Amino acid sequence: MRVKSVSAIRHRKMLARAKGYKQARGSRIQTAKEALVHAGSYAYHGRKLKKRNLRTLWITRISAGVKAQGISYSKFVAGLKKEKIEIDRKILSDIASKDAETFKKIVKEAGFSFTPEK
């Protein structure tokens, strides 16, 4: 059996992926194709940025948690490394934001007392 109109099928799929785009980007083949190429590029870049942004958020949360204990973030991380405590920043940030008592214990294990610095 002969296959007909492959390009029409390909164009239809492309326009379906560009559905919702404004003006010619959603209705013309060539501009839709270009818009999809750019969209893919932006999506790729966005996936890389997401990782950076999440790490920044985790560090901010941990920093807020240790500042409440009177310690700087850098000293806290140095204390964790010195005591060989290997909890990643994602878990630490979750503990800092949801369970303050457990976070206090981790800070204490890292070698810090609870007296605020002046």
PDB file of N, CA and C in Angstrom:
ATOM      1  N   MET A   1       0.837  -1.185   0.000  1.00  0.00           N
ATOM      2  CA  MET A   1       0.000   0.000   0.000  1.00  0.00           C
ATOM      3  C   MET A   1       0.879   1.245   0.000  1.00  0.00           C
ATOM      4  N   ARG A   2       0.527   2.199  -0.809  1.00  0.00           N
ATOM      5  CA  ARG A   2       1.317   3.406  -0.949  1.00  0.00           C
ATOM      6  C   ARG A   2       0.944   4.410   0.147  1.00  0.00           C
ATOM      7  N   VAL A   3       1.963   5.028   0.738  1.00  0.00           N
ATOM      8  CA  VAL A   3       1.738   6.045   1.766  1.00  0.00           C
ATOM      9  C   VAL A   3       1.673   7.400   1.086  1.00  0.00           C
ATOM     10  N   LYS A   4       0.599   8.137   1.360  1.00  0.00           N
ATOM     11  CA  LYS A   4       0.418   9.432   0.714  1.00  0.00           C
ATOM     12  C   LYS A   4       0.490  10.566   1.733  1.00  0.00           C
ATOM     13  N   SER A   5       0.833  11.714   1.258  1.00  0.00           N
ATOM     14  CA  SER A   5       0.815  12.986   1.989  1.00  0.00           C
ATOM     15  C   SER A   5       1.518  12.950   3.356  1.00  0.00           C
ATOM     16  N   VAL A   6       2.750  12.485   3.352  1.00  0.00           N
ATOM     17  CA  VAL A   6       3.540  12.455   4.586  1.00  0.00           C
ATOM     18  C   VAL A   6       3.785  13.870   5.095  1.00  0.00           C
ATOM     19  N   SER A   7       4.046  14.775   4.173  1.00  0.00           N
ATOM     20  CA  SER A   7       4.324  16.152   4.590  1.00  0.00           C
ATOM     21  C   SER A   7       3.096  16.788   5.238  1.00  0.00           C
ATOM     22  N   ALA A   8       1.911  16.475   4.731  1.00  0.00           N
ATOM     23  CA  ALA A   8       0.680  17.022   5.318  1.00  0.00           C
ATOM     24  C   ALA A   8       0.492  16.518   6.743  1.00  0.00           C
ATOM     25  N   ILE A   9       0.793  15.243   6.953  1.00  0.00           N
ATOM     26  CA  ILE A   9       0.687  14.660   8.296  1.00  0.00           C
ATOM     27  C   ILE A   9       1.698  15.322   9.230  1.00  0.00           C
ATOM     28  N   ARG A  10       2.913  15.492   8.731  1.00  0.00           N
ATOM     29  CA  ARG A  10       3.966  16.133   9.525  1.00  0.00           C
ATOM     30  C   ARG A  10       3.580  17.571   9.871  1.00  0.00           C
ATOM     31  N   HIS A  11       3.023  18.281   8.891  1.00  0.00           N
ATOM     32  CA  HIS A  11       2.593  19.661   9.123  1.00  0.00           C
ATOM     33  C   HIS A  11       1.463  19.722  10.155  1.00  0.00           C
ATOM     34  N   ARG A  12       0.531  18.784  10.061  1.00  0.00           N
ATOM     35  CA  ARG A  12      -0.589  18.745  10.996  1.00  0.00           C
ATOM     36  C   ARG A  12      -0.089  18.523  12.425  1.00  0.00           C
ATOM     37  N   LYS A  13       0.875  17.606  12.575  1.00  0.00           N
ATOM     38  CA  LYS A  13       1.453  17.337  13.899  1.00  0.00           C
ATOM     39  C   LYS A  13       2.160  18.574  14.440  1.00  0.00           C
ATOM     40  N   MET A  14       2.877  19.259  13.558  1.00  0.00           N
ATOM     41  CA  MET A  14       3.606  20.457  13.957  1.00  0.00           C
ATOM     42  C   MET A  14       2.640  21.548  14.422  1.00  0.00           C
ATOM     43  N   LEU A  15       1.554  21.742  13.668  1.00  0.00           N
ATOM     44  CA  LEU A  15       0.564  22.755  14.042  1.00  0.00           C
ATOM     45  C   LEU A  15      -0.165  22.371  15.330  1.00  0.00           C
ATOM     46  N   ALA A  16      -0.329  21.075  15.556  1.00  0.00           N
ATOM     47  CA  ALA A  16      -0.958  20.624  16.800  1.00  0.00           C
ATOM     48  C   ALA A  16      -0.065  20.965  17.995  1.00  0.00           C
ATOM     49  N   ARG A  17       1.255  20.814  17.815  1.00  0.00           N
ATOM     50  CA  ARG A  17       2.195  21.158  18.889  1.00  0.00           C
ATOM     51  C   ARG A  17       2.255  22.662  19.121  1.00  0.00           C
ATOM     52  N   ALA A  18       1.966  23.450  18.055  1.00  0.00           N
ATOM     53  CA  ALA A  18       2.003  24.911  18.162  1.00  0.00           C
ATOM     54  C   ALA A  18       0.634  25.485  18.526  1.00  0.00           C
ATOM     55  N   LYS A  19      -0.305  24.632  18.897  1.00  0.00           N
ATOM     56  CA  LYS A  19      -1.652  25.093  19.244  1.00  0.00           C
ATOM     57  C   LYS A  19      -1.574  26.022  20.455  1.00  0.00           C
ATOM     58  N   GLY A  20      -2.271  27.142  20.364  1.00  0.00           N
ATOM     59  CA  GLY A  20      -2.261  28.104  21.456  1.00  0.00           C
ATOM     60  C   GLY A  20      -1.276  29.234  21.249  1.00  0.00           C
ATOM     61  N   TYR A  21      -0.388  29.088  20.275  1.00  0.00           N
ATOM     62  CA  TYR A  21       0.547  30.168  19.969  1.00  0.00           C
ATOM     63  C   TYR A  21      -0.222  31.289  19.276  1.00  0.00           C
ATOM     64  N   LYS A  22       0.221  32.512  19.458  1.00  0.00           N
ATOM     65  CA  LYS A  22      -0.496  33.663  18.908  1.00  0.00           C
ATOM     66  C   LYS A  22      -0.191  33.877  17.429  1.00  0.00           C
ATOM     67  N   GLN A  23      -1.192  34.364  16.727  1.00  0.00           N
ATOM     68  CA  GLN A  23      -1.131  34.791  15.330  1.00  0.00           C
ATOM     69  C   GLN A  23      -0.542  33.717  14.416  1.00  0.00           C
ATOM     70  N   ALA A  24       0.396  34.080  13.563  1.00  0.00           N
ATOM     71  CA  ALA A  24       0.906  33.154  12.550  1.00  0.00           C
ATOM     72  C   ALA A  24       1.655  31.981  13.169  1.00  0.00           C
ATOM     73  N   ARG A  25       2.183  32.170  14.364  1.00  0.00           N
ATOM     74  CA  ARG A  25       2.960  31.101  14.995  1.00  0.00           C
ATOM     75  C   ARG A  25       2.127  29.847  15.248  1.00  0.00           C
ATOM     76  N   GLY A  26       0.825  30.011  15.335  1.00  0.00           N
ATOM     77  CA  GLY A  26      -0.039  28.863  15.569  1.00  0.00           C
ATOM     78  C   GLY A  26      -0.771  28.377  14.337  1.00  0.00           C
ATOM     79  N   SER A  27      -0.619  29.085  13.208  1.00  0.00           N
ATOM     80  CA  SER A  27      -1.404  28.697  12.028  1.00  0.00           C
ATOM     81  C   SER A  27      -0.580  28.490  10.760  1.00  0.00           C
ATOM     82  N   ARG A  28       0.602  29.063  10.662  1.00  0.00           N
ATOM     83  CA  ARG A  28       1.432  28.897   9.464  1.00  0.00           C
ATOM     84  C   ARG A  28       2.548  27.901   9.747  1.00  0.00           C
ATOM     85  N   ILE A  29       2.812  27.075   8.764  1.00  0.00           N
ATOM     86  CA  ILE A  29       3.770  25.983   8.942  1.00  0.00           C
ATOM     87  C   ILE A  29       5.161  26.501   9.298  1.00  0.00           C
ATOM     88  N   GLN A  30       5.687  27.400   8.477  1.00  0.00           N
ATOM     89  CA  GLN A  30       7.077  27.835   8.658  1.00  0.00           C
ATOM     90  C   GLN A  30       7.276  28.586   9.978  1.00  0.00           C
ATOM     91  N   THR A  31       6.369  29.499  10.294  1.00  0.00           N
ATOM     92  CA  THR A  31       6.525  30.260  11.542  1.00  0.00           C
ATOM     93  C   THR A  31       6.274  29.369  12.752  1.00  0.00           C
ATOM     94  N   ALA A  32       5.362  28.400  12.615  1.00  0.00           N
ATOM     95  CA  ALA A  32       5.114  27.453  13.707  1.00  0.00           C
ATOM     96  C   ALA A  32       6.361  26.609  13.955  1.00  0.00           C
ATOM     97  N   LYS A  33       7.003  26.190  12.870  1.00  0.00           N
ATOM     98  CA  LYS A  33       8.225  25.387  12.979  1.00  0.00           C
ATOM     99  C   LYS A  33       9.305  26.170  13.720  1.00  0.00           C
ATOM    100  N   GLU A  34       9.470  27.435  13.338  1.00  0.00           N
ATOM    101  CA  GLU A  34      10.472  28.286  13.982  1.00  0.00           C
ATOM    102  C   GLU A  34      10.139  28.504  15.460  1.00  0.00           C
ATOM    103  N   ALA A  35       8.856  28.730  15.744  1.00  0.00           N
ATOM    104  CA  ALA A  35       8.425  28.940  17.126  1.00  0.00           C
ATOM    105  C   ALA A  35       8.688  27.697  17.970  1.00  0.00           C
ATOM    106  N   LEU A  36       8.463  26.519  17.394  1.00  0.00           N
ATOM    107  CA  LEU A  36       8.693  25.267  18.120  1.00  0.00           C
ATOM    108  C   LEU A  36      10.176  25.046  18.397  1.00  0.00           C
ATOM    109  N   VAL A  37      11.027  25.421  17.448  1.00  0.00           N
ATOM    110  CA  VAL A  37      12.474  25.301  17.653  1.00  0.00           C
ATOM    111  C   VAL A  37      12.901  26.185  18.821  1.00  0.00           C
ATOM    112  N   HIS A  38      12.411  27.428  18.825  1.00  0.00           N
ATOM    113  CA  HIS A  38      12.755  28.342  19.915  1.00  0.00           C
ATOM    114  C   HIS A  38      12.180  27.859  21.243  1.00  0.00           C
ATOM    115  N   ALA A  39      10.950  27.344  21.203  1.00  0.00           N
ATOM    116  CA  ALA A  39      10.316  26.846  22.426  1.00  0.00           C
ATOM    117  C   ALA A  39      11.140  25.713  23.032  1.00  0.00           C
ATOM    118  N   GLY A  40      11.633  24.826  22.174  1.00  0.00           N
ATOM    119  CA  GLY A  40      12.468  23.726  22.657  1.00  0.00           C
ATOM    120  C   GLY A  40      13.751  24.223  23.280  1.00  0.00           C
ATOM    121  N   SER A  41      14.328  25.237  22.665  1.00  0.00           N
ATOM    122  CA  SER A  41      15.559  25.828  23.184  1.00  0.00           C
ATOM    123  C   SER A  41      15.326  26.465  24.548  1.00  0.00           C
ATOM    124  N   TYR A  42      14.220  27.204  24.664  1.00  0.00           N
ATOM    125  CA  TYR A  42      13.901  27.853  25.939  1.00  0.00           C
ATOM    126  C   TYR A  42      13.590  26.819  27.018  1.00  0.00           C
ATOM    127  N   ALA A  43      12.920  25.747  26.633  1.00  0.00           N
ATOM    128  CA  ALA A  43      12.584  24.692  27.585  1.00  0.00           C
ATOM    129  C   ALA A  43      13.850  24.021  28.113  1.00  0.00           C
ATOM    130  N   TYR A  44      14.802  23.771  27.220  1.00  0.00           N
ATOM    131  CA  TYR A  44      16.076  23.162  27.614  1.00  0.00           C
ATOM    132  C   TYR A  44      16.791  24.064  28.617  1.00  0.00           C
ATOM    133  N   HIS A  45      16.877  25.339  28.283  1.00  0.00           N
ATOM    134  CA  HIS A  45      17.544  26.307  29.157  1.00  0.00           C
ATOM    135  C   HIS A  45      16.815  26.400  30.501  1.00  0.00           C
ATOM    136  N   GLY A  46      15.488  26.367  30.455  1.00  0.00           N
ATOM    137  CA  GLY A  46      14.683  26.445  31.671  1.00  0.00           C
ATOM    138  C   GLY A  46      14.915  25.269  32.600  1.00  0.00           C
ATOM    139  N   ARG A  47      15.136  24.093  32.029  1.00  0.00           N
ATOM    140  CA  ARG A  47      15.401  22.916  32.869  1.00  0.00           C
ATOM    141  C   ARG A  47      16.723  23.057  33.606  1.00  0.00           C
ATOM    142  N   LYS A  48      17.693  23.720  32.988  1.00  0.00           N
ATOM    143  CA  LYS A  48      18.980  23.959  33.653  1.00  0.00           C
ATOM    144  C   LYS A  48      18.815  25.012  34.750  1.00  0.00           C
ATOM    145  N   LEU A  49      18.052  26.077  34.445  1.00  0.00           N
ATOM    146  CA  LEU A  49      17.824  27.145  35.422  1.00  0.00           C
ATOM    147  C   LEU A  49      17.072  26.638  36.645  1.00  0.00           C
ATOM    148  N   LYS A  50      16.160  25.714  36.435  1.00  0.00           N
ATOM    149  CA  LYS A  50      15.351  25.172  37.526  1.00  0.00           C
ATOM    150  C   LYS A  50      16.242  24.566  38.606  1.00  0.00           C
ATOM    151  N   LYS A  51      17.269  23.841  38.194  1.00  0.00           N
ATOM    152  CA  LYS A  51      18.189  23.220  39.144  1.00  0.00           C
ATOM    153  C   LYS A  51      18.918  24.280  39.961  1.00  0.00           C
ATOM    154  N   ARG A  52      19.389  25.340  39.270  1.00  0.00           N
ATOM    155  CA  ARG A  52      20.080  26.441  39.941  1.00  0.00           C
ATOM    156  C   ARG A  52      19.175  27.134  40.945  1.00  0.00           C
ATOM    157  N   ASN A  53      17.953  27.415  40.500  1.00  0.00           N
ATOM    158  CA  ASN A  53      17.016  28.144  41.347  1.00  0.00           C
ATOM    159  C   ASN A  53      16.619  27.348  42.583  1.00  0.00           C
ATOM    160  N   LEU A  54      16.439  26.041  42.422  1.00  0.00           N
ATOM    161  CA  LEU A  54      16.089  25.206  43.573  1.00  0.00           C
ATOM    162  C   LEU A  54      17.227  25.156  44.580  1.00  0.00           C
ATOM    163  N   ARG A  55      18.464  25.030  44.098  1.00  0.00           N
ATOM    164  CA  ARG A  55      19.610  25.016  45.012  1.00  0.00           C
ATOM    165  C   ARG A  55      19.688  26.332  45.781  1.00  0.00           C
ATOM    166  N   THR A  56      19.444  27.460  45.099  1.00  0.00           N
ATOM    167  CA  THR A  56      19.448  28.767  45.752  1.00  0.00           C
ATOM    168  C   THR A  56      18.371  28.830  46.829  1.00  0.00           C
ATOM    169  N   LEU A  57      17.184  28.300  46.526  1.00  0.00           N
ATOM    170  CA  LEU A  57      16.090  28.279  47.492  1.00  0.00           C
ATOM    171  C   LEU A  57      16.464  27.449  48.715  1.00  0.00           C
ATOM    172  N   TRP A  58      17.072  26.267  48.486  1.00  0.00           N
ATOM    173  CA  TRP A  58      17.472  25.417  49.607  1.00  0.00           C
ATOM    174  C   TRP A  58      18.463  26.136  50.506  1.00  0.00           C
ATOM    175  N   ILE A  59      19.459  26.773  49.894  1.00  0.00           N
ATOM    176  CA  ILE A  59      20.483  27.473  50.666  1.00  0.00           C
ATOM    177  C   ILE A  59      19.861  28.617  51.455  1.00  0.00           C
ATOM    178  N   THR A  60      18.915  29.338  50.864  1.00  0.00           N
ATOM    179  CA  THR A  60      18.238  30.436  51.552  1.00  0.00           C
ATOM    180  C   THR A  60      17.480  29.924  52.767  1.00  0.00           C
ATOM    181  N   ARG A  61      16.792  28.806  52.625  1.00  0.00           N
ATOM    182  CA  ARG A  61      16.036  28.230  53.747  1.00  0.00           C
ATOM    183  C   ARG A  61      16.962  27.764  54.866  1.00  0.00           C
ATOM    184  N   ILE A  62      18.058  27.111  54.496  1.00  0.00           N
ATOM    185  CA  ILE A  62      19.017  26.654  55.508  1.00  0.00           C
ATOM    186  C   ILE A  62      19.618  27.854  56.218  1.00  0.00           C
ATOM    187  N   SER A  63      19.978  28.866  55.448  1.00  0.00           N
ATOM    188  CA  SER A  63      20.566  30.082  56.002  1.00  0.00           C
ATOM    189  C   SER A  63      19.628  30.728  57.013  1.00  0.00           C
ATOM    190  N   ALA A  64      18.344  30.802  56.686  1.00  0.00           N
ATOM    191  CA  ALA A  64      17.361  31.374  57.613  1.00  0.00           C
ATOM    192  C   ALA A  64      17.275  30.538  58.882  1.00  0.00           C
ATOM    193  N   GLY A  65      17.339  29.215  58.730  1.00  0.00           N
ATOM    194  CA  GLY A  65      17.280  28.324  59.892  1.00  0.00           C
ATOM    195  C   GLY A  65      18.469  28.472  60.813  1.00  0.00           C
ATOM    196  N   VAL A  66      19.664  28.598  60.253  1.00  0.00           N
ATOM    197  CA  VAL A  66      20.854  28.715  61.107  1.00  0.00           C
ATOM    198  C   VAL A  66      21.012  30.120  61.663  1.00  0.00           C
ATOM    199  N   LYS A  67      20.512  31.127  60.945  1.00  0.00           N
ATOM    200  CA  LYS A  67      20.551  32.496  61.476  1.00  0.00           C
ATOM    201  C   LYS A  67      19.701  32.595  62.741  1.00  0.00           C
ATOM    202  N   ALA A  68      18.606  31.829  62.795  1.00  0.00           N
ATOM    203  CA  ALA A  68      17.763  31.792  63.992  1.00  0.00           C
ATOM    204  C   ALA A  68      18.536  31.201  65.177  1.00  0.00           C
ATOM    205  N   GLN A  69      19.554  30.401  64.865  1.00  0.00           N
ATOM    206  CA  GLN A  69      20.405  29.819  65.910  1.00  0.00           C
ATOM    207  C   GLN A  69      21.624  30.694  66.197  1.00  0.00           C
ATOM    208  N   GLY A  70      21.764  31.786  65.443  1.00  0.00           N
ATOM    209  CA  GLY A  70      22.874  32.710  65.660  1.00  0.00           C
ATOM    210  C   GLY A  70      24.163  32.309  64.963  1.00  0.00           C
ATOM    211  N   ILE A  71      24.051  31.581  63.868  1.00  0.00           N
ATOM    212  CA  ILE A  71      25.232  31.097  63.142  1.00  0.00           C
ATOM    213  C   ILE A  71      25.096  31.518  61.681  1.00  0.00           C
ATOM    214  N   SER A  72      26.217  31.713  61.014  1.00  0.00           N
ATOM    215  CA  SER A  72      26.159  32.011  59.580  1.00  0.00           C
ATOM    216  C   SER A  72      26.100  30.690  58.806  1.00  0.00           C
ATOM    217  N   TYR A  73      25.590  30.770  57.589  1.00  0.00           N
ATOM    218  CA  TYR A  73      25.454  29.582  56.741  1.00  0.00           C
ATOM    219  C   TYR A  73      26.812  28.938  56.478  1.00  0.00           C
ATOM    220  N   SER A  74      27.810  29.770  56.167  1.00  0.00           N
ATOM    221  CA  SER A  74      29.125  29.229  55.808  1.00  0.00           C
ATOM    222  C   SER A  74      29.759  28.479  56.983  1.00  0.00           C
ATOM    223  N   LYS A  75      29.600  29.024  58.199  1.00  0.00           N
ATOM    224  CA  LYS A  75      30.150  28.340  59.383  1.00  0.00           C
ATOM    225  C   LYS A  75      29.412  27.032  59.641  1.00  0.00           C
ATOM    226  N   PHE A  76      28.109  27.041  59.402  1.00  0.00           N
ATOM    227  CA  PHE A  76      27.310  25.830  59.590  1.00  0.00           C
ATOM    228  C   PHE A  76      27.759  24.728  58.634  1.00  0.00           C
ATOM    229  N   VAL A  77      27.937  25.074  57.364  1.00  0.00           N
ATOM    230  CA  VAL A  77      28.364  24.090  56.361  1.00  0.00           C
ATOM    231  C   VAL A  77      29.769  23.585  56.685  1.00  0.00           C
ATOM    232  N   ALA A  78      30.642  24.487  57.138  1.00  0.00           N
ATOM    233  CA  ALA A  78      31.993  24.078  57.539  1.00  0.00           C
ATOM    234  C   ALA A  78      31.922  23.109  58.714  1.00  0.00           C
ATOM    235  N   GLY A  79      31.026  23.376  59.663  1.00  0.00           N
ATOM    236  CA  GLY A  79      30.832  22.483  60.808  1.00  0.00           C
ATOM    237  C   GLY A  79      30.326  21.118  60.386  1.00  0.00           C
ATOM    238  N   LEU A  80      29.415  21.089  59.426  1.00  0.00           N
ATOM    239  CA  LEU A  80      28.902  19.811  58.919  1.00  0.00           C
ATOM    240  C   LEU A  80      30.018  18.996  58.281  1.00  0.00           C
ATOM    241  N   LYS A  81      30.861  19.673  57.495  1.00  0.00           N
ATOM    242  CA  LYS A  81      31.964  18.966  56.835  1.00  0.00           C
ATOM    243  C   LYS A  81      32.977  18.455  57.853  1.00  0.00           C
ATOM    244  N   LYS A  82      33.248  19.278  58.861  1.00  0.00           N
ATOM    245  CA  LYS A  82      34.212  18.909  59.903  1.00  0.00           C
ATOM    246  C   LYS A  82      33.733  17.680  60.673  1.00  0.00           C
ATOM    247  N   GLU A  83      32.431  17.633  60.967  1.00  0.00           N
ATOM    248  CA  GLU A  83      31.853  16.509  61.713  1.00  0.00           C
ATOM    249  C   GLU A  83      31.480  15.335  60.802  1.00  0.00           C
ATOM    250  N   LYS A  84      31.749  15.491  59.497  1.00  0.00           N
ATOM    251  CA  LYS A  84      31.445  14.453  58.494  1.00  0.00           C
ATOM    252  C   LYS A  84      29.954  14.077  58.475  1.00  0.00           C
ATOM    253  N   ILE A  85      29.099  15.101  58.576  1.00  0.00           N
ATOM    254  CA  ILE A  85      27.657  14.897  58.454  1.00  0.00           C
ATOM    255  C   ILE A  85      27.304  15.130  56.989  1.00  0.00           C
ATOM    256  N   GLU A  86      26.835  14.091  56.314  1.00  0.00           N
ATOM    257  CA  GLU A  86      26.577  14.181  54.879  1.00  0.00           C
ATOM    258  C   GLU A  86      25.079  14.195  54.582  1.00  0.00           C
ATOM    259  N   ILE A  87      24.427  15.291  54.957  1.00  0.00           N
ATOM    260  CA  ILE A  87      23.021  15.486  54.592  1.00  0.00           C
ATOM    261  C   ILE A  87      23.014  16.543  53.504  1.00  0.00           C
ATOM    262  N   ASP A  88      22.362  16.251  52.392  1.00  0.00           N
ATOM    263  CA  ASP A  88      22.379  17.223  51.295  1.00  0.00           C
ATOM    264  C   ASP A  88      21.488  18.429  51.591  1.00  0.00           C
ATOM    265  N   ARG A  89      21.672  19.471  50.803  1.00  0.00           N
ATOM    266  CA  ARG A  89      20.988  20.744  51.045  1.00  0.00           C
ATOM    267  C   ARG A  89      19.477  20.626  50.894  1.00  0.00           C
ATOM    268  N   LYS A  90      19.036  19.765  50.003  1.00  0.00           N
ATOM    269  CA  LYS A  90      17.593  19.590  49.800  1.00  0.00           C
ATOM    270  C   LYS A  90      16.935  19.083  51.086  1.00  0.00           C
ATOM    271  N   ILE A  91      17.519  18.063  51.686  1.00  0.00           N
ATOM    272  CA  ILE A  91      16.976  17.477  52.911  1.00  0.00           C
ATOM    273  C   ILE A  91      17.101  18.466  54.066  1.00  0.00           C
ATOM    274  N   LEU A  92      18.262  19.122  54.173  1.00  0.00           N
ATOM    275  CA  LEU A  92      18.455  20.112  55.238  1.00  0.00           C
ATOM    276  C   LEU A  92      17.421  21.227  55.151  1.00  0.00           C
ATOM    277  N   SER A  93      17.145  21.708  53.948  1.00  0.00           N
ATOM    278  CA  SER A  93      16.178  22.795  53.790  1.00  0.00           C
ATOM    279  C   SER A  93      14.780  22.329  54.174  1.00  0.00           C
ATOM    280  N   ASP A  94      14.448  21.103  53.833  1.00  0.00           N
ATOM    281  CA  ASP A  94      13.144  20.549  54.189  1.00  0.00           C
ATOM    282  C   ASP A  94      13.004  20.451  55.707  1.00  0.00           C
ATOM    283  N   ILE A  95      14.052  19.965  56.367  1.00  0.00           N
ATOM    284  CA  ILE A  95      14.039  19.856  57.828  1.00  0.00           C
ATOM    285  C   ILE A  95      13.967  21.242  58.461  1.00  0.00           C
ATOM    286  N   ALA A  96      14.749  22.189  57.939  1.00  0.00           N
ATOM    287  CA  ALA A  96      14.773  23.547  58.492  1.00  0.00           C
ATOM    288  C   ALA A  96      13.408  24.218  58.397  1.00  0.00           C
ATOM    289  N   SER A  97      12.689  23.982  57.304  1.00  0.00           N
ATOM    290  CA  SER A  97      11.400  24.657  57.128  1.00  0.00           C
ATOM    291  C   SER A  97      10.243  23.938  57.823  1.00  0.00           C
ATOM    292  N   LYS A  98      10.351  22.619  58.027  1.00  0.00           N
ATOM    293  CA  LYS A  98       9.216  21.872  58.572  1.00  0.00           C
ATOM    294  C   LYS A  98       9.398  21.388  60.006  1.00  0.00           C
ATOM    295  N   ASP A  99      10.641  21.146  60.429  1.00  0.00           N
ATOM    296  CA  ASP A  99      10.864  20.558  61.754  1.00  0.00           C
ATOM    297  C   ASP A  99      12.019  21.272  62.450  1.00  0.00           C
ATOM    298  N   ALA A 100      11.705  22.338  63.173  1.00  0.00           N
ATOM    299  CA  ALA A 100      12.730  23.181  63.797  1.00  0.00           C
ATOM    300  C   ALA A 100      13.528  22.438  64.871  1.00  0.00           C
ATOM    301  N   GLU A 101      12.870  21.568  65.628  1.00  0.00           N
ATOM    302  CA  GLU A 101      13.556  20.849  66.715  1.00  0.00           C
ATOM    303  C   GLU A 101      14.634  19.911  66.167  1.00  0.00           C
ATOM    304  N   THR A 102      14.309  19.186  65.125  1.00  0.00           N
ATOM    305  CA  THR A 102      15.292  18.295  64.501  1.00  0.00           C
ATOM    306  C   THR A 102      16.442  19.104  63.915  1.00  0.00           C
ATOM    307  N   PHE A 103      16.116  20.247  63.322  1.00  0.00           N
ATOM    308  CA  PHE A 103      17.159  21.099  62.744  1.00  0.00           C
ATOM    309  C   PHE A 103      18.089  21.616  63.840  1.00  0.00           C
ATOM    310  N   LYS A 104      17.536  21.953  65.012  1.00  0.00           N
ATOM    311  CA  LYS A 104      18.372  22.386  66.146  1.00  0.00           C
ATOM    312  C   LYS A 104      19.353  21.285  66.534  1.00  0.00           C
ATOM    313  N   LYS A 105      18.865  20.043  66.522  1.00  0.00           N
ATOM    314  CA  LYS A 105      19.735  18.910  66.870  1.00  0.00           C
ATOM    315  C   LYS A 105      20.865  18.758  65.850  1.00  0.00           C
ATOM    316  N   ILE A 106      20.545  18.960  64.581  1.00  0.00           N
ATOM    317  CA  ILE A 106      21.573  18.868  63.535  1.00  0.00           C
ATOM    318  C   ILE A 106      22.607  19.971  63.723  1.00  0.00           C
ATOM    319  N   VAL A 107      22.137  21.179  64.040  1.00  0.00           N
ATOM    320  CA  VAL A 107      23.054  22.301  64.283  1.00  0.00           C
ATOM    321  C   VAL A 107      23.955  21.978  65.470  1.00  0.00           C
ATOM    322  N   LYS A 108      23.375  21.383  66.506  1.00  0.00           N
ATOM    323  CA  LYS A 108      24.155  21.008  67.694  1.00  0.00           C
ATOM    324  C   LYS A 108      25.194  19.938  67.340  1.00  0.00           C
ATOM    325  N   GLU A 109      24.788  18.965  66.521  1.00  0.00           N
ATOM    326  CA  GLU A 109      25.715  17.910  66.077  1.00  0.00           C
ATOM    327  C   GLU A 109      26.861  18.480  65.250  1.00  0.00           C
ATOM    328  N   ALA A 110      26.584  19.576  64.549  1.00  0.00           N
ATOM    329  CA  ALA A 110      27.617  20.211  63.727  1.00  0.00           C
ATOM    330  C   ALA A 110      28.616  20.977  64.585  1.00  0.00           C
ATOM    331  N   GLY A 111      28.405  20.974  65.903  1.00  0.00           N
ATOM    332  CA  GLY A 111      29.383  21.563  66.816  1.00  0.00           C
ATOM    333  C   GLY A 111      29.079  22.982  67.242  1.00  0.00           C
ATOM    334  N   PHE A 112      27.806  23.368  67.273  1.00  0.00           N
ATOM    335  CA  PHE A 112      27.446  24.728  67.659  1.00  0.00           C
ATOM    336  C   PHE A 112      26.478  24.700  68.828  1.00  0.00           C
ATOM    337  N   SER A 113      26.675  25.627  69.758  1.00  0.00           N
ATOM    338  CA  SER A 113      25.722  25.789  70.853  1.00  0.00           C
ATOM    339  C   SER A 113      24.635  26.760  70.407  1.00  0.00           C
ATOM    340  N   PHE A 114      23.616  26.955  71.234  1.00  0.00           N
ATOM    341  CA  PHE A 114      22.486  27.781  70.833  1.00  0.00           C
ATOM    342  C   PHE A 114      22.561  29.209  71.335  1.00  0.00           C
ATOM    343  N   THR A 115      23.738  29.690  71.704  1.00  0.00           N
ATOM    344  CA  THR A 115      23.852  31.091  72.128  1.00  0.00           C
ATOM    345  C   THR A 115      24.069  31.958  70.902  1.00  0.00           C
ATOM    346  N   PRO A 116      23.211  32.964  70.704  1.00  0.00           N
ATOM    347  CA  PRO A 116      23.373  33.829  69.527  1.00  0.00           C
ATOM    348  C   PRO A 116      24.664  34.629  69.569  1.00  0.00           C
ATOM    349  N   GLU A 117      25.290  34.784  68.391  1.00  0.00           N
ATOM    350  CA  GLU A 117      26.521  35.587  68.296  1.00  0.00           C
ATOM    351  C   GLU A 117      26.188  37.062  68.383  1.00  0.00           C
ATOM    352  N   LYS A 118      27.125  37.858  68.929  1.00  0.00           N
ATOM    353  CA  LYS A 118      26.930  39.307  68.999  1.00  0.00           C
ATOM    354  C   LYS A 118      28.096  40.024  68.403  1.00  0.00           C
TER     355      LYS A 118
END
